[in-house]
Amino acid sequence: MVLALCWQTTASAADLEKYLPKVEAGALFKEADAIGKPQGEPPIAPLMKRGEVIGYAYLNSDFTSSIGYSGKPIHIVVGIDTKGVIRGIKLVDHKEPIVLIGIPEAKVVAALNSLVDSDMSAVAAGQNKPPQVEIVSGATVTVLVMGDSVVRSAVGLVRSGRLGNAPVQVAAADAQRTVDLEIRDEQDWQA
């Protein structure tokens, strides 16, 4: 059991480190000129501009489930700034049959890129609804899984406080409403 937990921890760091060489810093955050060494668990890697941290890169599948139609994980490296705004997305590995042999990957990537510039801090705080990706005909499940995993992983990262900000508190839910079954009056709907 302990060995399995140790393997999972090192597998996450190894996965992010495996995929980072496939991504240029500027693809994850336009102003970034370098990617630092992954740190923490799940791992995040600093995105740098002239030596200063301006955001982080992380692997969606390290933070949340990203199992696609194929039954295999879809790996996406996400760039997010220190305020929780998604700055870039790079699809780095998948086994989705419809994208491998049918739908052009560029269409799927374009749908994912609709999440760029989305403020996940507002979503994490309950101030905004989670953004949705545009559906790609023929790859609906795949695109929805990808978009959902990016949003959920970003919200989780924002709430963790690891972006250099304070952890975001979720807005309190409205008071629970109940029906009083003892009242038997008939009233007009305008009353």
N, C-alpha and C. Protein backbone atom coordinates (compact mmCIF):
# COMPACT_ATOMS: atom_id res chain seq x y z
N MET A 1 0.83 -1.19 0.00
CA MET A 1 0.00 0.00 0.00
C MET A 1 0.88 1.26 0.00
N VAL A 2 1.87 1.29 0.90
CA VAL A 2 2.76 2.45 0.97
C VAL A 2 3.53 2.59 -0.33
N LEU A 3 3.98 1.48 -0.89
CA LEU A 3 4.70 1.51 -2.16
C LEU A 3 3.82 2.10 -3.26
N ALA A 4 2.55 1.73 -3.28
CA ALA A 4 1.62 2.26 -4.29
C ALA A 4 1.46 3.76 -4.13
N LEU A 5 1.36 4.24 -2.89
CA LEU A 5 1.23 5.68 -2.66
C LEU A 5 2.49 6.42 -3.09
N CYS A 6 3.64 5.85 -2.80
CA CYS A 6 4.90 6.48 -3.22
C CYS A 6 5.00 6.52 -4.73
N TRP A 7 4.58 5.45 -5.41
CA TRP A 7 4.63 5.42 -6.87
C TRP A 7 3.73 6.50 -7.45
N GLN A 8 2.51 6.65 -6.88
CA GLN A 8 1.57 7.65 -7.39
C GLN A 8 2.16 9.05 -7.26
N THR A 9 2.78 9.35 -6.13
CA THR A 9 3.38 10.66 -5.91
C THR A 9 4.47 10.94 -6.92
N THR A 10 5.36 9.97 -7.13
CA THR A 10 6.44 10.20 -8.08
C THR A 10 5.95 10.16 -9.51
N ALA A 11 4.88 9.42 -9.77
CA ALA A 11 4.34 9.37 -11.13
C ALA A 11 3.81 10.73 -11.54
N SER A 12 3.15 11.45 -10.64
CA SER A 12 2.62 12.78 -10.97
C SER A 12 3.74 13.73 -11.36
N ALA A 13 4.77 13.80 -10.53
CA ALA A 13 5.88 14.70 -10.83
C ALA A 13 6.55 14.28 -12.13
N ALA A 14 6.69 12.97 -12.32
CA ALA A 14 7.33 12.48 -13.54
C ALA A 14 6.49 12.81 -14.76
N ASP A 15 5.15 12.71 -14.65
CA ASP A 15 4.29 13.02 -15.78
C ASP A 15 4.42 14.48 -16.18
N LEU A 16 4.34 15.39 -15.22
CA LEU A 16 4.46 16.81 -15.56
C LEU A 16 5.83 17.07 -16.18
N GLU A 17 6.87 16.53 -15.58
CA GLU A 17 8.22 16.73 -16.13
C GLU A 17 8.36 16.10 -17.51
N LYS A 18 7.65 15.02 -17.76
CA LYS A 18 7.69 14.36 -19.07
C LYS A 18 7.05 15.23 -20.14
N TYR A 19 5.96 15.93 -19.79
CA TYR A 19 5.23 16.71 -20.78
C TYR A 19 5.74 18.14 -20.94
N LEU A 20 6.36 18.71 -19.94
CA LEU A 20 6.82 20.10 -20.04
C LEU A 20 7.77 20.36 -21.21
N PRO A 21 8.69 19.44 -21.55
CA PRO A 21 9.56 19.70 -22.70
C PRO A 21 8.80 19.82 -24.03
N LYS A 22 7.56 19.33 -24.08
CA LYS A 22 6.76 19.43 -25.30
C LYS A 22 6.07 20.78 -25.44
N VAL A 23 6.25 21.65 -24.44
CA VAL A 23 5.51 22.91 -24.40
C VAL A 23 6.47 24.08 -24.25
N GLU A 24 6.26 25.12 -25.05
CA GLU A 24 7.03 26.35 -24.88
C GLU A 24 6.34 27.22 -23.85
N ALA A 25 7.12 27.91 -23.04
CA ALA A 25 6.55 28.77 -21.99
C ALA A 25 5.54 29.75 -22.57
N GLY A 26 5.85 30.35 -23.71
CA GLY A 26 4.97 31.33 -24.33
C GLY A 26 3.65 30.77 -24.80
N ALA A 27 3.56 29.45 -24.99
CA ALA A 27 2.29 28.83 -25.37
C ALA A 27 1.34 28.73 -24.18
N LEU A 28 1.91 28.75 -22.97
CA LEU A 28 1.09 28.66 -21.76
C LEU A 28 0.77 30.02 -21.17
N PHE A 29 1.62 31.00 -21.47
CA PHE A 29 1.42 32.36 -20.97
C PHE A 29 2.24 33.24 -21.90
N LYS A 30 1.57 34.05 -22.68
CA LYS A 30 2.23 34.79 -23.75
C LYS A 30 3.50 35.51 -23.29
N GLU A 31 3.48 36.09 -22.09
CA GLU A 31 4.63 36.86 -21.60
C GLU A 31 5.74 36.00 -21.00
N ALA A 32 5.49 34.71 -20.78
CA ALA A 32 6.47 33.84 -20.12
C ALA A 32 7.63 33.53 -21.06
N ASP A 33 8.84 33.51 -20.48
CA ASP A 33 10.02 33.17 -21.28
C ASP A 33 10.74 31.92 -20.77
N ALA A 34 10.25 31.34 -19.66
CA ALA A 34 10.87 30.13 -19.11
C ALA A 34 9.87 29.40 -18.21
N ILE A 35 10.13 28.10 -18.07
CA ILE A 35 9.35 27.26 -17.15
C ILE A 35 10.30 26.74 -16.09
N GLY A 36 9.95 26.94 -14.82
CA GLY A 36 10.78 26.47 -13.72
C GLY A 36 10.55 25.00 -13.40
N LYS A 37 11.25 24.52 -12.39
CA LYS A 37 11.17 23.12 -11.96
C LYS A 37 9.85 22.88 -11.22
N PRO A 38 9.16 21.77 -11.55
CA PRO A 38 7.91 21.44 -10.84
C PRO A 38 8.15 21.30 -9.34
N GLN A 39 7.14 21.73 -8.58
CA GLN A 39 7.23 21.68 -7.12
C GLN A 39 5.87 21.32 -6.53
N GLY A 40 5.92 20.71 -5.34
CA GLY A 40 4.70 20.39 -4.61
C GLY A 40 3.99 19.17 -5.15
N GLU A 41 2.86 18.87 -4.52
CA GLU A 41 2.06 17.72 -4.91
C GLU A 41 0.59 18.08 -4.81
N PRO A 42 -0.15 17.98 -5.89
CA PRO A 42 0.30 17.70 -7.24
C PRO A 42 1.26 18.79 -7.72
N PRO A 43 2.16 18.43 -8.61
CA PRO A 43 3.19 19.38 -9.02
C PRO A 43 2.67 20.53 -9.88
N ILE A 44 3.23 21.70 -9.64
CA ILE A 44 3.02 22.87 -10.49
C ILE A 44 4.40 23.44 -10.80
N ALA A 45 4.57 23.98 -11.99
CA ALA A 45 5.87 24.52 -12.40
C ALA A 45 5.73 26.03 -12.61
N PRO A 46 6.61 26.83 -12.02
CA PRO A 46 6.51 28.27 -12.20
C PRO A 46 6.72 28.68 -13.66
N LEU A 47 5.91 29.62 -14.12
CA LEU A 47 6.11 30.26 -15.42
C LEU A 47 6.78 31.59 -15.14
N MET A 48 7.91 31.82 -15.80
CA MET A 48 8.75 32.97 -15.47
C MET A 48 8.80 34.00 -16.60
N LYS A 49 8.96 35.24 -16.19
CA LYS A 49 9.24 36.34 -17.12
C LYS A 49 10.43 37.09 -16.53
N ARG A 50 11.56 37.02 -17.22
CA ARG A 50 12.81 37.63 -16.75
C ARG A 50 13.10 37.27 -15.29
N GLY A 51 12.92 36.00 -14.95
CA GLY A 51 13.27 35.50 -13.63
C GLY A 51 12.20 35.66 -12.56
N GLU A 52 11.09 36.31 -12.87
CA GLU A 52 10.02 36.50 -11.89
C GLU A 52 8.85 35.58 -12.23
N VAL A 53 8.24 35.01 -11.20
CA VAL A 53 7.09 34.13 -11.38
C VAL A 53 5.87 34.96 -11.76
N ILE A 54 5.27 34.62 -12.91
CA ILE A 54 4.05 35.32 -13.35
C ILE A 54 2.85 34.37 -13.40
N GLY A 55 3.11 33.08 -13.22
CA GLY A 55 2.04 32.10 -13.24
C GLY A 55 2.61 30.71 -13.04
N TYR A 56 1.78 29.71 -13.33
CA TYR A 56 2.20 28.32 -13.12
C TYR A 56 1.66 27.45 -14.25
N ALA A 57 2.39 26.37 -14.50
CA ALA A 57 1.95 25.34 -15.44
C ALA A 57 1.66 24.09 -14.62
N TYR A 58 0.61 23.39 -15.01
CA TYR A 58 0.28 22.14 -14.33
C TYR A 58 -0.40 21.20 -15.32
N LEU A 59 -0.46 19.94 -14.94
CA LEU A 59 -1.09 18.92 -15.77
C LEU A 59 -2.49 18.66 -15.21
N ASN A 60 -3.51 18.84 -16.05
CA ASN A 60 -4.90 18.67 -15.61
C ASN A 60 -5.12 17.34 -14.91
N SER A 61 -4.55 16.28 -15.45
CA SER A 61 -4.79 14.93 -14.93
C SER A 61 -4.14 14.69 -13.56
N ASP A 62 -3.26 15.59 -13.12
CA ASP A 62 -2.70 15.51 -11.77
C ASP A 62 -3.70 16.02 -10.73
N PHE A 63 -4.66 16.82 -11.17
CA PHE A 63 -5.59 17.46 -10.24
C PHE A 63 -6.99 16.86 -10.26
N THR A 64 -7.38 16.26 -11.36
CA THR A 64 -8.75 15.75 -11.48
C THR A 64 -8.81 14.65 -12.54
N SER A 65 -9.87 13.92 -12.55
CA SER A 65 -10.05 12.87 -13.55
C SER A 65 -10.19 13.50 -14.94
N SER A 66 -9.57 12.89 -15.90
CA SER A 66 -9.67 13.38 -17.28
C SER A 66 -9.81 12.20 -18.25
N ILE A 67 -10.57 11.22 -17.83
CA ILE A 67 -10.75 10.01 -18.63
C ILE A 67 -11.71 10.31 -19.77
N GLY A 68 -11.26 10.09 -20.98
CA GLY A 68 -12.07 10.38 -22.16
C GLY A 68 -12.89 9.20 -22.62
N TYR A 69 -13.46 9.34 -23.79
CA TYR A 69 -14.30 8.32 -24.42
C TYR A 69 -13.53 7.01 -24.58
N SER A 70 -12.22 7.12 -24.79
CA SER A 70 -11.38 5.94 -24.99
C SER A 70 -11.15 5.15 -23.70
N GLY A 71 -11.48 5.74 -22.55
CA GLY A 71 -11.20 5.11 -21.27
C GLY A 71 -9.80 5.40 -20.76
N LYS A 72 -9.06 6.23 -21.48
CA LYS A 72 -7.69 6.60 -21.10
C LYS A 72 -7.65 8.09 -20.74
N PRO A 73 -6.70 8.49 -19.88
CA PRO A 73 -6.62 9.90 -19.50
C PRO A 73 -6.21 10.80 -20.67
N ILE A 74 -6.72 12.01 -20.63
CA ILE A 74 -6.35 13.05 -21.59
C ILE A 74 -5.48 14.03 -20.83
N HIS A 75 -4.25 14.23 -21.30
CA HIS A 75 -3.29 15.08 -20.59
C HIS A 75 -3.20 16.45 -21.26
N ILE A 76 -3.45 17.49 -20.48
CA ILE A 76 -3.42 18.86 -20.96
C ILE A 76 -2.59 19.68 -19.99
N VAL A 77 -1.58 20.38 -20.51
CA VAL A 77 -0.81 21.30 -19.67
C VAL A 77 -1.51 22.65 -19.73
N VAL A 78 -1.78 23.20 -18.55
CA VAL A 78 -2.52 24.46 -18.43
C VAL A 78 -1.60 25.51 -17.85
N GLY A 79 -1.64 26.72 -18.42
CA GLY A 79 -0.94 27.87 -17.86
C GLY A 79 -1.96 28.76 -17.17
N ILE A 80 -1.67 29.13 -15.94
CA ILE A 80 -2.60 29.96 -15.16
C ILE A 80 -1.79 31.04 -14.46
N ASP A 81 -2.31 32.26 -14.42
CA ASP A 81 -1.55 33.33 -13.76
C ASP A 81 -1.78 33.30 -12.26
N THR A 82 -1.09 34.16 -11.53
CA THR A 82 -1.16 34.16 -10.07
C THR A 82 -2.50 34.66 -9.53
N LYS A 83 -3.34 35.19 -10.41
CA LYS A 83 -4.68 35.63 -9.99
C LYS A 83 -5.74 34.60 -10.33
N GLY A 84 -5.35 33.52 -11.01
CA GLY A 84 -6.29 32.45 -11.32
C GLY A 84 -6.92 32.54 -12.69
N VAL A 85 -6.32 33.30 -13.59
CA VAL A 85 -6.84 33.42 -14.95
C VAL A 85 -6.08 32.44 -15.85
N ILE A 86 -6.81 31.62 -16.59
CA ILE A 86 -6.17 30.68 -17.52
C ILE A 86 -5.53 31.49 -18.64
N ARG A 87 -4.24 31.25 -18.89
CA ARG A 87 -3.49 32.00 -19.90
C ARG A 87 -3.10 31.19 -21.12
N GLY A 88 -3.14 29.87 -21.01
CA GLY A 88 -2.80 29.04 -22.16
C GLY A 88 -3.09 27.58 -21.88
N ILE A 89 -3.32 26.82 -22.94
CA ILE A 89 -3.67 25.41 -22.83
C ILE A 89 -2.94 24.66 -23.94
N LYS A 90 -2.33 23.52 -23.59
CA LYS A 90 -1.63 22.71 -24.58
C LYS A 90 -2.02 21.24 -24.39
N LEU A 91 -2.70 20.68 -25.38
CA LEU A 91 -3.04 19.26 -25.39
C LEU A 91 -1.75 18.49 -25.69
N VAL A 92 -1.29 17.67 -24.73
CA VAL A 92 0.01 17.01 -24.91
C VAL A 92 -0.07 15.51 -25.13
N ASP A 93 -1.18 14.86 -24.72
CA ASP A 93 -1.26 13.42 -24.92
C ASP A 93 -2.71 12.96 -24.77
N HIS A 94 -3.16 12.14 -25.70
CA HIS A 94 -4.49 11.54 -25.63
C HIS A 94 -4.53 10.31 -26.51
N LYS A 95 -5.54 9.49 -26.27
CA LYS A 95 -5.75 8.28 -27.08
C LYS A 95 -7.18 8.26 -27.61
N GLU A 96 -7.77 9.43 -27.81
CA GLU A 96 -9.16 9.53 -28.27
C GLU A 96 -9.26 9.12 -29.73
N PRO A 97 -9.96 8.02 -30.03
CA PRO A 97 -10.00 7.50 -31.40
C PRO A 97 -10.59 8.49 -32.41
N ILE A 98 -11.62 9.22 -32.02
CA ILE A 98 -12.26 10.13 -32.98
C ILE A 98 -11.32 11.26 -33.39
N VAL A 99 -10.44 11.66 -32.47
CA VAL A 99 -9.49 12.74 -32.79
C VAL A 99 -8.28 12.17 -33.54
N LEU A 100 -7.94 10.93 -33.26
CA LEU A 100 -6.80 10.32 -33.94
C LEU A 100 -7.11 9.99 -35.39
N ILE A 101 -8.37 9.62 -35.70
CA ILE A 101 -8.68 9.19 -37.06
C ILE A 101 -9.79 9.97 -37.76
N GLY A 102 -10.46 10.87 -37.06
CA GLY A 102 -11.61 11.52 -37.69
C GLY A 102 -11.60 13.03 -37.61
N ILE A 103 -11.88 13.55 -36.45
CA ILE A 103 -11.99 14.99 -36.24
C ILE A 103 -10.58 15.59 -36.17
N PRO A 104 -10.31 16.65 -36.90
CA PRO A 104 -8.98 17.27 -36.81
C PRO A 104 -8.70 17.78 -35.39
N GLU A 105 -7.52 17.46 -34.89
CA GLU A 105 -7.13 17.89 -33.55
C GLU A 105 -7.22 19.41 -33.41
N ALA A 106 -6.99 20.14 -34.49
CA ALA A 106 -7.05 21.60 -34.45
C ALA A 106 -8.43 22.09 -34.02
N LYS A 107 -9.49 21.38 -34.41
CA LYS A 107 -10.85 21.77 -34.00
C LYS A 107 -11.04 21.60 -32.50
N VAL A 108 -10.51 20.51 -31.97
CA VAL A 108 -10.62 20.23 -30.53
C VAL A 108 -9.81 21.27 -29.75
N VAL A 109 -8.62 21.56 -30.21
CA VAL A 109 -7.77 22.56 -29.56
C VAL A 109 -8.42 23.94 -29.60
N ALA A 110 -9.04 24.29 -30.71
CA ALA A 110 -9.73 25.58 -30.81
C ALA A 110 -10.87 25.67 -29.79
N ALA A 111 -11.59 24.58 -29.60
CA ALA A 111 -12.67 24.57 -28.60
C ALA A 111 -12.09 24.76 -27.20
N LEU A 112 -10.99 24.08 -26.91
CA LEU A 112 -10.33 24.23 -25.60
C LEU A 112 -9.83 25.65 -25.38
N ASN A 113 -9.31 26.26 -26.44
CA ASN A 113 -8.76 27.61 -26.31
C ASN A 113 -9.81 28.66 -25.96
N SER A 114 -11.09 28.30 -26.06
CA SER A 114 -12.13 29.24 -25.63
C SER A 114 -12.09 29.47 -24.12
N LEU A 115 -11.36 28.62 -23.39
CA LEU A 115 -11.22 28.79 -21.94
C LEU A 115 -10.12 29.79 -21.58
N VAL A 116 -9.25 30.10 -22.52
CA VAL A 116 -8.16 31.06 -22.25
C VAL A 116 -8.77 32.41 -21.90
N ASP A 117 -8.21 33.04 -20.89
CA ASP A 117 -8.65 34.32 -20.31
C ASP A 117 -9.86 34.18 -19.39
N SER A 118 -10.25 32.95 -19.06
CA SER A 118 -11.34 32.73 -18.10
C SER A 118 -10.80 32.89 -16.68
N ASP A 119 -11.51 33.64 -15.85
CA ASP A 119 -11.11 33.90 -14.47
C ASP A 119 -11.63 32.78 -13.57
N MET A 120 -10.75 31.88 -13.19
CA MET A 120 -11.14 30.75 -12.36
C MET A 120 -11.28 31.14 -10.89
N SER A 121 -10.70 32.26 -10.48
CA SER A 121 -10.89 32.73 -9.10
C SER A 121 -12.35 33.08 -8.86
N ALA A 122 -12.98 33.73 -9.82
CA ALA A 122 -14.40 34.08 -9.70
C ALA A 122 -15.26 32.83 -9.70
N VAL A 123 -14.87 31.83 -10.48
CA VAL A 123 -15.60 30.57 -10.49
C VAL A 123 -15.41 29.86 -9.15
N ALA A 124 -14.17 29.81 -8.66
CA ALA A 124 -13.87 29.14 -7.39
C ALA A 124 -14.61 29.78 -6.23
N ALA A 125 -14.83 31.08 -6.28
CA ALA A 125 -15.53 31.80 -5.21
C ALA A 125 -17.05 31.72 -5.36
N GLY A 126 -17.53 31.14 -6.45
CA GLY A 126 -18.96 31.04 -6.67
C GLY A 126 -19.57 32.30 -7.26
N GLN A 127 -18.74 33.23 -7.72
CA GLN A 127 -19.24 34.48 -8.29
C GLN A 127 -19.63 34.33 -9.76
N ASN A 128 -18.97 33.42 -10.47
CA ASN A 128 -19.26 33.17 -11.89
C ASN A 128 -19.55 31.69 -12.08
N LYS A 129 -20.33 31.38 -13.09
CA LYS A 129 -20.56 29.99 -13.47
C LYS A 129 -19.32 29.50 -14.21
N PRO A 130 -19.05 28.20 -14.14
CA PRO A 130 -17.90 27.66 -14.88
C PRO A 130 -18.09 27.89 -16.39
N PRO A 131 -17.03 28.30 -17.07
CA PRO A 131 -17.14 28.47 -18.53
C PRO A 131 -17.28 27.12 -19.22
N GLN A 132 -17.93 27.14 -20.36
CA GLN A 132 -18.13 25.93 -21.14
C GLN A 132 -17.38 26.05 -22.47
N VAL A 133 -16.88 24.93 -22.95
CA VAL A 133 -16.24 24.92 -24.27
C VAL A 133 -17.31 24.74 -25.33
N GLU A 134 -17.00 25.19 -26.54
CA GLU A 134 -17.89 24.96 -27.68
C GLU A 134 -17.84 23.48 -28.05
N ILE A 135 -18.97 22.93 -28.38
CA ILE A 135 -19.05 21.52 -28.78
C ILE A 135 -18.47 21.35 -30.18
N VAL A 136 -17.73 20.28 -30.38
CA VAL A 136 -17.22 19.91 -31.70
C VAL A 136 -18.02 18.69 -32.14
N SER A 137 -18.79 18.84 -33.20
CA SER A 137 -19.63 17.76 -33.69
C SER A 137 -18.78 16.53 -33.99
N GLY A 138 -19.20 15.40 -33.44
CA GLY A 138 -18.47 14.16 -33.63
C GLY A 138 -17.49 13.86 -32.51
N ALA A 139 -17.17 14.86 -31.70
CA ALA A 139 -16.23 14.67 -30.59
C ALA A 139 -16.79 15.30 -29.32
N THR A 140 -18.11 15.25 -29.17
CA THR A 140 -18.78 15.92 -28.06
C THR A 140 -18.25 15.46 -26.70
N VAL A 141 -18.23 14.15 -26.46
CA VAL A 141 -17.79 13.63 -25.17
C VAL A 141 -16.35 14.03 -24.90
N THR A 142 -15.50 13.86 -25.88
CA THR A 142 -14.08 14.19 -25.73
C THR A 142 -13.89 15.65 -25.37
N VAL A 143 -14.53 16.55 -26.08
CA VAL A 143 -14.36 17.98 -25.84
C VAL A 143 -14.92 18.37 -24.47
N LEU A 144 -16.07 17.82 -24.11
CA LEU A 144 -16.65 18.13 -22.80
C LEU A 144 -15.76 17.64 -21.66
N VAL A 145 -15.20 16.44 -21.79
CA VAL A 145 -14.29 15.92 -20.76
C VAL A 145 -13.06 16.81 -20.65
N MET A 146 -12.49 17.19 -21.78
CA MET A 146 -11.31 18.05 -21.76
C MET A 146 -11.61 19.38 -21.08
N GLY A 147 -12.66 20.04 -21.52
CA GLY A 147 -13.01 21.34 -20.96
C GLY A 147 -13.31 21.26 -19.48
N ASP A 148 -14.09 20.25 -19.09
CA ASP A 148 -14.44 20.08 -17.69
C ASP A 148 -13.21 19.82 -16.83
N SER A 149 -12.28 19.02 -17.32
CA SER A 149 -11.08 18.72 -16.53
C SER A 149 -10.19 19.95 -16.37
N VAL A 150 -10.13 20.79 -17.39
CA VAL A 150 -9.35 22.03 -17.27
C VAL A 150 -9.99 22.95 -16.24
N VAL A 151 -11.30 23.13 -16.32
CA VAL A 151 -12.00 24.02 -15.38
C VAL A 151 -11.90 23.49 -13.96
N ARG A 152 -12.21 22.21 -13.75
CA ARG A 152 -12.18 21.66 -12.39
C ARG A 152 -10.77 21.68 -11.80
N SER A 153 -9.77 21.39 -12.61
CA SER A 153 -8.40 21.40 -12.09
C SER A 153 -7.97 22.82 -11.74
N ALA A 154 -8.34 23.79 -12.56
CA ALA A 154 -7.98 25.19 -12.29
C ALA A 154 -8.68 25.70 -11.03
N VAL A 155 -9.95 25.37 -10.87
CA VAL A 155 -10.69 25.78 -9.67
C VAL A 155 -10.05 25.16 -8.43
N GLY A 156 -9.69 23.89 -8.50
CA GLY A 156 -9.03 23.23 -7.37
C GLY A 156 -7.71 23.89 -7.02
N LEU A 157 -6.93 24.23 -8.04
CA LEU A 157 -5.65 24.89 -7.79
C LEU A 157 -5.85 26.26 -7.17
N VAL A 158 -6.80 27.03 -7.67
CA VAL A 158 -7.08 28.35 -7.10
C VAL A 158 -7.49 28.21 -5.64
N ARG A 159 -8.39 27.28 -5.35
CA ARG A 159 -8.87 27.10 -3.97
C ARG A 159 -7.77 26.64 -3.03
N SER A 160 -6.74 26.00 -3.55
CA SER A 160 -5.65 25.51 -2.71
C SER A 160 -4.77 26.63 -2.17
N GLY A 161 -4.79 27.79 -2.82
CA GLY A 161 -3.93 28.90 -2.39
C GLY A 161 -2.50 28.79 -2.88
N ARG A 162 -2.18 27.85 -3.76
CA ARG A 162 -0.81 27.64 -4.21
C ARG A 162 -0.37 28.61 -5.31
N LEU A 163 -1.24 29.49 -5.75
CA LEU A 163 -0.88 30.44 -6.80
C LEU A 163 -0.24 31.70 -6.23
N GLY A 164 -0.01 31.71 -4.92
CA GLY A 164 0.56 32.90 -4.29
C GLY A 164 -0.52 33.82 -3.76
N ASN A 165 -1.75 33.37 -3.87
CA ASN A 165 -2.88 34.13 -3.36
C ASN A 165 -3.43 33.41 -2.13
N ALA A 166 -4.31 34.05 -1.42
CA ALA A 166 -4.97 33.38 -0.30
C ALA A 166 -5.95 32.37 -0.88
N PRO A 167 -6.15 31.25 -0.18
CA PRO A 167 -7.14 30.30 -0.67
C PRO A 167 -8.50 30.98 -0.83
N VAL A 168 -9.17 30.69 -1.92
CA VAL A 168 -10.46 31.30 -2.20
C VAL A 168 -11.54 30.56 -1.42
N GLN A 169 -12.36 31.32 -0.73
CA GLN A 169 -13.48 30.73 0.01
C GLN A 169 -14.69 30.63 -0.91
N VAL A 170 -15.36 29.52 -0.84
CA VAL A 170 -16.56 29.32 -1.64
C VAL A 170 -17.69 30.12 -1.01
N ALA A 171 -18.46 30.80 -1.84
CA ALA A 171 -19.59 31.58 -1.34
C ALA A 171 -20.57 30.65 -0.62
N ALA A 172 -21.16 31.17 0.46
CA ALA A 172 -22.13 30.38 1.22
C ALA A 172 -23.37 30.12 0.36
N ALA A 173 -23.89 28.93 0.48
CA ALA A 173 -25.10 28.57 -0.26
C ALA A 173 -26.30 29.28 0.35
N ASP A 174 -27.31 29.51 -0.46
CA ASP A 174 -28.55 30.10 0.05
C ASP A 174 -29.13 29.18 1.11
N ALA A 175 -29.89 29.78 2.03
CA ALA A 175 -30.54 29.00 3.08
C ALA A 175 -31.45 27.95 2.44
N GLN A 176 -31.48 26.79 3.05
CA GLN A 176 -32.31 25.72 2.51
C GLN A 176 -33.78 26.08 2.68
N ARG A 177 -34.54 25.85 1.65
CA ARG A 177 -35.97 26.14 1.69
C ARG A 177 -36.74 24.84 1.81
N THR A 178 -37.84 24.91 2.57
CA THR A 178 -38.67 23.73 2.74
C THR A 178 -40.13 24.10 2.52
N VAL A 179 -40.93 23.11 2.29
CA VAL A 179 -42.37 23.30 2.13
C VAL A 179 -43.03 23.00 3.47
N ASP A 180 -43.85 23.93 3.95
CA ASP A 180 -44.59 23.73 5.19
C ASP A 180 -45.85 22.95 4.84
N LEU A 181 -45.88 21.69 5.17
CA LEU A 181 -46.99 20.82 4.81
C LEU A 181 -48.22 21.03 5.70
N GLU A 182 -48.10 21.82 6.76
CA GLU A 182 -49.21 22.08 7.67
C GLU A 182 -50.14 23.17 7.14
N ILE A 183 -49.67 24.04 6.29
CA ILE A 183 -50.49 25.14 5.76
C ILE A 183 -51.40 24.57 4.68
N ARG A 184 -52.71 24.87 4.82
CA ARG A 184 -53.68 24.32 3.87
C ARG A 184 -54.47 25.42 3.17
N ASP A 185 -54.03 26.67 3.23
CA ASP A 185 -54.74 27.78 2.59
C ASP A 185 -54.59 27.68 1.08
N GLU A 186 -55.63 28.09 0.39
CA GLU A 186 -55.52 28.25 -1.05
C GLU A 186 -55.25 29.72 -1.31
N GLN A 187 -54.23 29.99 -2.09
CA GLN A 187 -53.89 31.38 -2.41
C GLN A 187 -53.68 31.52 -3.90
N ASP A 188 -53.92 32.74 -4.37
CA ASP A 188 -53.67 33.07 -5.76
C ASP A 188 -52.15 33.13 -5.95
N TRP A 189 -51.67 32.80 -7.11
CA TRP A 189 -50.23 32.81 -7.35
C TRP A 189 -49.63 34.19 -7.21
N GLN A 190 -50.45 35.25 -7.33
CA GLN A 190 -49.94 36.61 -7.20
C GLN A 190 -49.87 37.06 -5.75
N ALA A 191 -50.40 36.30 -4.84
CA ALA A 191 -50.45 36.70 -3.43
C ALA A 191 -49.09 36.67 -2.79
